[in-house]
C-alpha cells in the first residue's frame, strides 16, 4: 500500500501531469489523488465478487467535496467492479442543478450507469 501511494509510478487510467506545470503543488495533489483512487479501486476489486458483494452507503452527499465525489464516480463507473452497490443520500432541498453533487450525478449518468431515485 505504501509503495502504491508514495513511489513514483503512473496508475492505469490516470492523467499524467506535465513536468512544466505552473504549480508543482497542484501536480503533486493531482498525482496523490490519482494514486489514492487507484489504490482504493484496486482494494475494492480485490474484496468484491459475486459471492461477496459490497454495499457502500454514504449519507449527506450534499456536503461532499469534489475529491470525494470524484472517488465515488471512479468507483461506480469502474467496469471491473460488478459486485458493488452504492447507496447515497442527500437533501434535495439543498442541491440545485448547478450544485457539484448534481454535476457529479449527471456525469455518472452520462456513462450509462443506472441511478434510481427514491423520494
N, C-alpha and C. Protein backbone atom coordinates (compact mmCIF):
# COMPACT_ATOMS: atom_id res chain seq x y z
N UNK A 1 0.83 -1.19 0.00
CA UNK A 1 0.00 0.00 0.00
C UNK A 1 0.87 1.25 0.00
N UNK A 2 1.86 1.27 0.85
CA UNK A 2 2.75 2.43 0.91
C UNK A 2 3.45 2.66 -0.43
N UNK A 3 3.91 1.58 -1.04
CA UNK A 3 4.57 1.68 -2.34
C UNK A 3 3.63 2.27 -3.38
N UNK A 4 2.38 1.82 -3.37
CA UNK A 4 1.41 2.32 -4.35
C UNK A 4 1.11 3.80 -4.16
N UNK A 5 1.09 4.24 -2.91
CA UNK A 5 0.73 5.63 -2.65
C UNK A 5 1.88 6.60 -2.81
N UNK A 6 3.11 6.18 -2.49
CA UNK A 6 4.19 7.15 -2.40
C UNK A 6 5.30 7.03 -3.42
N UNK A 7 5.45 5.89 -4.07
CA UNK A 7 6.50 5.78 -5.06
C UNK A 7 6.05 6.35 -6.38
N UNK A 8 7.00 6.80 -7.17
CA UNK A 8 6.71 7.36 -8.48
C UNK A 8 6.29 6.25 -9.44
N UNK A 9 5.06 6.26 -9.83
CA UNK A 9 4.54 5.35 -10.85
C UNK A 9 3.28 5.97 -11.40
N UNK A 10 2.83 5.49 -12.53
CA UNK A 10 1.64 6.04 -13.16
C UNK A 10 0.53 5.01 -13.13
N UNK A 11 -0.50 5.19 -12.26
CA UNK A 11 -1.61 4.25 -12.21
C UNK A 11 -2.36 4.21 -13.54
N UNK A 12 -2.94 3.04 -13.86
CA UNK A 12 -3.71 2.92 -15.09
C UNK A 12 -4.89 3.87 -15.07
N UNK A 13 -5.15 4.46 -16.23
CA UNK A 13 -6.30 5.33 -16.35
C UNK A 13 -6.14 6.71 -15.73
N UNK A 14 -4.96 7.00 -15.19
CA UNK A 14 -4.78 8.32 -14.58
C UNK A 14 -4.16 9.27 -15.58
N UNK A 15 -4.25 10.52 -15.28
CA UNK A 15 -3.71 11.53 -16.16
C UNK A 15 -2.27 11.85 -15.75
N UNK A 16 -1.41 11.95 -16.74
CA UNK A 16 -0.04 12.34 -16.46
C UNK A 16 0.01 13.87 -16.48
N UNK A 17 0.62 14.41 -15.46
CA UNK A 17 0.73 15.86 -15.35
C UNK A 17 2.08 16.27 -15.89
N UNK A 18 2.10 17.27 -16.73
CA UNK A 18 3.33 17.76 -17.33
C UNK A 18 4.28 18.26 -16.26
N UNK A 19 5.56 17.99 -16.46
CA UNK A 19 6.55 18.50 -15.52
C UNK A 19 6.73 20.00 -15.66
N UNK A 20 6.12 20.59 -16.70
CA UNK A 20 6.20 22.02 -16.93
C UNK A 20 5.00 22.73 -16.33
N UNK A 21 4.30 22.06 -15.43
CA UNK A 21 3.12 22.66 -14.79
C UNK A 21 3.52 23.94 -14.06
N UNK A 22 2.63 24.91 -14.10
CA UNK A 22 2.93 26.18 -13.44
C UNK A 22 2.90 26.05 -11.92
N UNK A 23 2.29 25.01 -11.42
CA UNK A 23 2.20 24.83 -9.97
C UNK A 23 2.62 23.42 -9.59
N UNK A 24 3.83 23.25 -9.06
CA UNK A 24 4.27 21.91 -8.64
C UNK A 24 3.37 21.32 -7.57
N UNK A 25 2.83 22.16 -6.69
CA UNK A 25 1.94 21.66 -5.65
C UNK A 25 0.67 21.08 -6.26
N UNK A 26 0.13 21.74 -7.29
CA UNK A 26 -1.07 21.24 -7.96
C UNK A 26 -0.80 19.89 -8.60
N UNK A 27 0.36 19.75 -9.23
CA UNK A 27 0.72 18.48 -9.85
C UNK A 27 0.83 17.40 -8.79
N UNK A 28 1.42 17.70 -7.67
CA UNK A 28 1.56 16.74 -6.59
C UNK A 28 0.19 16.34 -6.05
N UNK A 29 -0.72 17.28 -5.93
CA UNK A 29 -2.07 16.99 -5.44
C UNK A 29 -2.81 16.09 -6.41
N UNK A 30 -2.72 16.38 -7.69
CA UNK A 30 -3.38 15.54 -8.70
C UNK A 30 -2.78 14.14 -8.71
N UNK A 31 -1.47 14.05 -8.63
CA UNK A 31 -0.82 12.74 -8.59
C UNK A 31 -1.26 11.95 -7.36
N UNK A 32 -1.32 12.61 -6.21
CA UNK A 32 -1.75 11.93 -4.98
C UNK A 32 -3.20 11.46 -5.09
N UNK A 33 -4.06 12.29 -5.68
CA UNK A 33 -5.46 11.90 -5.86
C UNK A 33 -5.56 10.71 -6.80
N UNK A 34 -4.80 10.74 -7.90
CA UNK A 34 -4.80 9.61 -8.84
C UNK A 34 -4.33 8.33 -8.17
N UNK A 35 -3.28 8.44 -7.36
CA UNK A 35 -2.77 7.25 -6.65
C UNK A 35 -3.80 6.72 -5.67
N UNK A 36 -4.43 7.62 -4.91
CA UNK A 36 -5.43 7.18 -3.94
C UNK A 36 -6.59 6.48 -4.65
N UNK A 37 -7.07 7.07 -5.74
CA UNK A 37 -8.15 6.44 -6.50
C UNK A 37 -7.74 5.06 -7.01
N UNK A 38 -6.53 4.95 -7.50
CA UNK A 38 -6.02 3.68 -8.00
C UNK A 38 -5.98 2.63 -6.88
N UNK A 39 -5.43 3.01 -5.73
CA UNK A 39 -5.32 2.08 -4.60
C UNK A 39 -6.70 1.68 -4.10
N UNK A 40 -7.60 2.64 -3.97
CA UNK A 40 -8.94 2.34 -3.48
C UNK A 40 -9.68 1.43 -4.46
N UNK A 41 -9.58 1.73 -5.76
CA UNK A 41 -10.22 0.91 -6.78
C UNK A 41 -9.64 -0.50 -6.77
N UNK A 42 -8.35 -0.62 -6.64
CA UNK A 42 -7.70 -1.94 -6.58
C UNK A 42 -8.14 -2.71 -5.34
N UNK A 43 -8.25 -2.03 -4.22
CA UNK A 43 -8.71 -2.65 -2.98
C UNK A 43 -10.13 -3.19 -3.13
N UNK A 44 -11.02 -2.36 -3.67
CA UNK A 44 -12.41 -2.79 -3.84
C UNK A 44 -12.48 -3.97 -4.80
N UNK A 45 -11.74 -3.91 -5.89
CA UNK A 45 -11.72 -5.04 -6.84
C UNK A 45 -11.27 -6.32 -6.16
N UNK A 46 -10.34 -6.21 -5.21
CA UNK A 46 -9.80 -7.39 -4.54
C UNK A 46 -10.79 -8.01 -3.55
N UNK A 47 -11.67 -7.20 -2.98
CA UNK A 47 -12.56 -7.74 -1.94
C UNK A 47 -13.96 -8.09 -2.42
N UNK A 48 -14.38 -7.57 -3.58
CA UNK A 48 -15.74 -7.86 -4.03
C UNK A 48 -15.75 -8.97 -5.07
N UNK A 49 -16.83 -9.69 -5.07
CA UNK A 49 -17.07 -10.74 -6.06
C UNK A 49 -18.56 -11.04 -6.03
N UNK A 50 -19.06 -11.80 -6.99
CA UNK A 50 -20.48 -12.16 -6.94
C UNK A 50 -20.85 -12.89 -5.65
N UNK A 51 -19.90 -13.60 -5.06
CA UNK A 51 -20.18 -14.30 -3.80
C UNK A 51 -19.98 -13.40 -2.58
N UNK A 52 -19.26 -12.27 -2.77
CA UNK A 52 -19.01 -11.33 -1.67
C UNK A 52 -19.27 -9.90 -2.17
N UNK A 53 -20.54 -9.56 -2.41
CA UNK A 53 -20.83 -8.20 -2.88
C UNK A 53 -20.58 -7.17 -1.77
N UNK A 54 -20.40 -5.95 -2.18
CA UNK A 54 -20.17 -4.86 -1.24
C UNK A 54 -21.25 -3.81 -1.43
N UNK A 55 -21.87 -3.41 -0.32
CA UNK A 55 -22.82 -2.30 -0.33
C UNK A 55 -22.15 -1.15 0.41
N UNK A 56 -22.03 -0.03 -0.28
CA UNK A 56 -21.40 1.15 0.30
C UNK A 56 -22.48 2.22 0.43
N UNK A 57 -22.74 2.66 1.66
CA UNK A 57 -23.76 3.67 1.92
C UNK A 57 -23.11 4.93 2.47
N UNK A 58 -23.37 6.05 1.81
CA UNK A 58 -22.88 7.35 2.28
C UNK A 58 -24.06 8.30 2.40
N UNK A 59 -24.10 9.03 3.50
CA UNK A 59 -25.19 9.97 3.77
C UNK A 59 -24.68 11.40 3.62
N UNK A 60 -25.59 12.34 3.47
CA UNK A 60 -25.30 13.77 3.39
C UNK A 60 -24.34 14.12 2.26
N UNK A 61 -24.60 13.55 1.09
CA UNK A 61 -23.72 13.81 -0.06
C UNK A 61 -23.79 15.26 -0.54
N UNK A 62 -24.78 16.03 -0.10
CA UNK A 62 -24.84 17.43 -0.48
C UNK A 62 -23.65 18.20 0.11
N UNK A 63 -22.98 17.63 1.10
CA UNK A 63 -21.82 18.28 1.70
C UNK A 63 -20.50 17.70 1.21
N UNK A 64 -20.55 16.76 0.30
CA UNK A 64 -19.32 16.12 -0.19
C UNK A 64 -18.48 17.10 -1.01
N UNK A 65 -17.18 16.96 -0.88
CA UNK A 65 -16.29 17.81 -1.67
C UNK A 65 -16.03 17.17 -3.03
N UNK A 66 -15.38 17.91 -3.90
CA UNK A 66 -15.14 17.46 -5.26
C UNK A 66 -14.31 16.18 -5.31
N UNK A 67 -13.29 16.06 -4.46
CA UNK A 67 -12.45 14.87 -4.47
C UNK A 67 -13.24 13.63 -4.06
N UNK A 68 -14.12 13.76 -3.08
CA UNK A 68 -14.93 12.63 -2.64
C UNK A 68 -15.92 12.20 -3.73
N UNK A 69 -16.54 13.19 -4.36
CA UNK A 69 -17.48 12.88 -5.44
C UNK A 69 -16.75 12.25 -6.63
N UNK A 70 -15.53 12.68 -6.87
CA UNK A 70 -14.74 12.09 -7.96
C UNK A 70 -14.39 10.64 -7.63
N UNK A 71 -14.07 10.34 -6.37
CA UNK A 71 -13.79 8.96 -5.97
C UNK A 71 -15.04 8.10 -6.14
N UNK A 72 -16.19 8.61 -5.79
CA UNK A 72 -17.44 7.88 -5.99
C UNK A 72 -17.64 7.60 -7.48
N UNK A 73 -17.41 8.61 -8.30
CA UNK A 73 -17.54 8.45 -9.76
C UNK A 73 -16.61 7.35 -10.27
N UNK A 74 -15.38 7.38 -9.81
CA UNK A 74 -14.40 6.35 -10.23
C UNK A 74 -14.89 4.96 -9.85
N UNK A 75 -15.43 4.83 -8.65
CA UNK A 75 -15.87 3.51 -8.17
C UNK A 75 -17.09 3.00 -8.93
N UNK A 76 -18.10 3.84 -9.11
CA UNK A 76 -19.34 3.35 -9.71
C UNK A 76 -19.24 3.21 -11.22
N UNK A 77 -18.27 3.82 -11.85
CA UNK A 77 -18.10 3.68 -13.30
C UNK A 77 -17.03 2.66 -13.66
N UNK A 78 -16.41 2.03 -12.68
CA UNK A 78 -15.36 1.03 -12.93
C UNK A 78 -16.00 -0.25 -13.49
N UNK A 79 -15.71 -0.56 -14.72
CA UNK A 79 -16.32 -1.72 -15.38
C UNK A 79 -15.87 -3.05 -14.79
N UNK A 80 -14.77 -3.06 -14.04
CA UNK A 80 -14.28 -4.30 -13.46
C UNK A 80 -14.84 -4.56 -12.06
N UNK A 81 -15.61 -3.64 -11.54
CA UNK A 81 -16.21 -3.81 -10.21
C UNK A 81 -17.71 -3.99 -10.41
N UNK A 82 -18.13 -5.22 -10.54
CA UNK A 82 -19.53 -5.51 -10.85
C UNK A 82 -20.37 -5.86 -9.62
N UNK A 83 -19.75 -6.11 -8.52
CA UNK A 83 -20.50 -6.53 -7.32
C UNK A 83 -20.51 -5.45 -6.26
N UNK A 84 -20.57 -4.20 -6.70
CA UNK A 84 -20.62 -3.06 -5.80
C UNK A 84 -21.96 -2.37 -5.96
N UNK A 85 -22.65 -2.16 -4.85
CA UNK A 85 -23.88 -1.39 -4.84
C UNK A 85 -23.62 -0.14 -4.03
N UNK A 86 -23.73 1.00 -4.65
CA UNK A 86 -23.51 2.27 -3.97
C UNK A 86 -24.86 2.90 -3.67
N UNK A 87 -25.08 3.24 -2.41
CA UNK A 87 -26.30 3.94 -1.98
C UNK A 87 -25.88 5.28 -1.40
N UNK A 88 -26.45 6.33 -1.92
CA UNK A 88 -26.12 7.66 -1.43
C UNK A 88 -27.36 8.44 -1.10
N UNK A 89 -27.31 9.18 -0.03
CA UNK A 89 -28.44 10.02 0.39
C UNK A 89 -28.00 11.47 0.39
N UNK A 90 -28.94 12.32 0.03
CA UNK A 90 -28.68 13.76 0.06
C UNK A 90 -30.00 14.49 0.28
N UNK A 91 -29.90 15.72 0.70
CA UNK A 91 -31.09 16.55 0.93
C UNK A 91 -31.37 17.32 -0.34
N UNK A 92 -32.42 16.92 -1.04
CA UNK A 92 -32.71 17.53 -2.34
C UNK A 92 -33.06 19.01 -2.23
N UNK A 93 -33.49 19.47 -1.07
CA UNK A 93 -33.78 20.89 -0.91
C UNK A 93 -32.50 21.73 -0.78
N UNK A 94 -31.34 21.08 -0.66
CA UNK A 94 -30.06 21.77 -0.56
C UNK A 94 -29.21 21.62 -1.82
N UNK A 95 -29.75 20.95 -2.84
CA UNK A 95 -28.98 20.67 -4.05
C UNK A 95 -29.72 21.24 -5.26
N UNK A 96 -29.08 22.20 -5.93
CA UNK A 96 -29.65 22.78 -7.14
C UNK A 96 -29.02 22.09 -8.36
N UNK A 97 -29.49 22.46 -9.55
CA UNK A 97 -28.93 21.88 -10.77
C UNK A 97 -27.46 22.23 -10.95
N UNK A 98 -27.02 23.36 -10.43
CA UNK A 98 -25.64 23.77 -10.57
C UNK A 98 -24.73 23.28 -9.46
N UNK A 99 -25.29 22.59 -8.48
CA UNK A 99 -24.52 22.08 -7.33
C UNK A 99 -23.52 21.03 -7.80
N UNK A 100 -22.38 20.95 -7.14
CA UNK A 100 -21.33 20.00 -7.51
C UNK A 100 -21.84 18.55 -7.48
N UNK A 101 -22.76 18.26 -6.56
CA UNK A 101 -23.32 16.91 -6.48
C UNK A 101 -24.16 16.60 -7.73
N UNK A 102 -24.98 17.56 -8.15
CA UNK A 102 -25.80 17.37 -9.36
C UNK A 102 -24.93 17.16 -10.58
N UNK A 103 -23.85 17.90 -10.67
CA UNK A 103 -22.91 17.75 -11.78
C UNK A 103 -22.30 16.35 -11.77
N UNK A 104 -21.93 15.86 -10.60
CA UNK A 104 -21.35 14.51 -10.48
C UNK A 104 -22.37 13.44 -10.90
N UNK A 105 -23.61 13.60 -10.49
CA UNK A 105 -24.65 12.63 -10.86
C UNK A 105 -24.87 12.62 -12.37
N UNK A 106 -24.91 13.80 -12.98
CA UNK A 106 -25.08 13.85 -14.45
C UNK A 106 -23.91 13.19 -15.16
N UNK A 107 -22.71 13.37 -14.63
CA UNK A 107 -21.54 12.74 -15.25
C UNK A 107 -21.63 11.22 -15.15
N UNK A 108 -22.05 10.72 -14.02
CA UNK A 108 -22.21 9.27 -13.85
C UNK A 108 -23.29 8.75 -14.79
N UNK A 109 -24.40 9.46 -14.89
CA UNK A 109 -25.48 9.05 -15.79
C UNK A 109 -25.03 9.06 -17.25
N UNK A 110 -24.14 9.97 -17.61
CA UNK A 110 -23.66 10.03 -18.99
C UNK A 110 -22.82 8.81 -19.35
N UNK A 111 -22.36 8.06 -18.34
CA UNK A 111 -21.59 6.84 -18.55
C UNK A 111 -22.51 5.61 -18.60
N UNK A 112 -23.82 5.84 -18.70
CA UNK A 112 -24.84 4.78 -18.76
C UNK A 112 -24.87 3.93 -17.50
N UNK A 113 -24.61 4.55 -16.37
CA UNK A 113 -24.72 3.88 -15.08
C UNK A 113 -26.13 4.16 -14.57
N UNK A 114 -26.91 3.11 -14.30
CA UNK A 114 -28.29 3.34 -13.85
C UNK A 114 -28.32 3.94 -12.44
N UNK A 115 -29.13 4.96 -12.28
CA UNK A 115 -29.32 5.59 -10.99
C UNK A 115 -30.81 5.60 -10.69
N UNK A 116 -31.18 5.08 -9.55
CA UNK A 116 -32.59 5.09 -9.12
C UNK A 116 -32.76 6.12 -8.03
N UNK A 117 -33.74 6.97 -8.21
CA UNK A 117 -34.04 8.00 -7.20
C UNK A 117 -35.23 7.52 -6.38
N UNK A 118 -35.09 7.60 -5.08
CA UNK A 118 -36.17 7.25 -4.15
C UNK A 118 -36.47 8.50 -3.33
N UNK A 119 -37.72 8.90 -3.33
CA UNK A 119 -38.10 10.12 -2.60
C UNK A 119 -38.88 9.75 -1.37
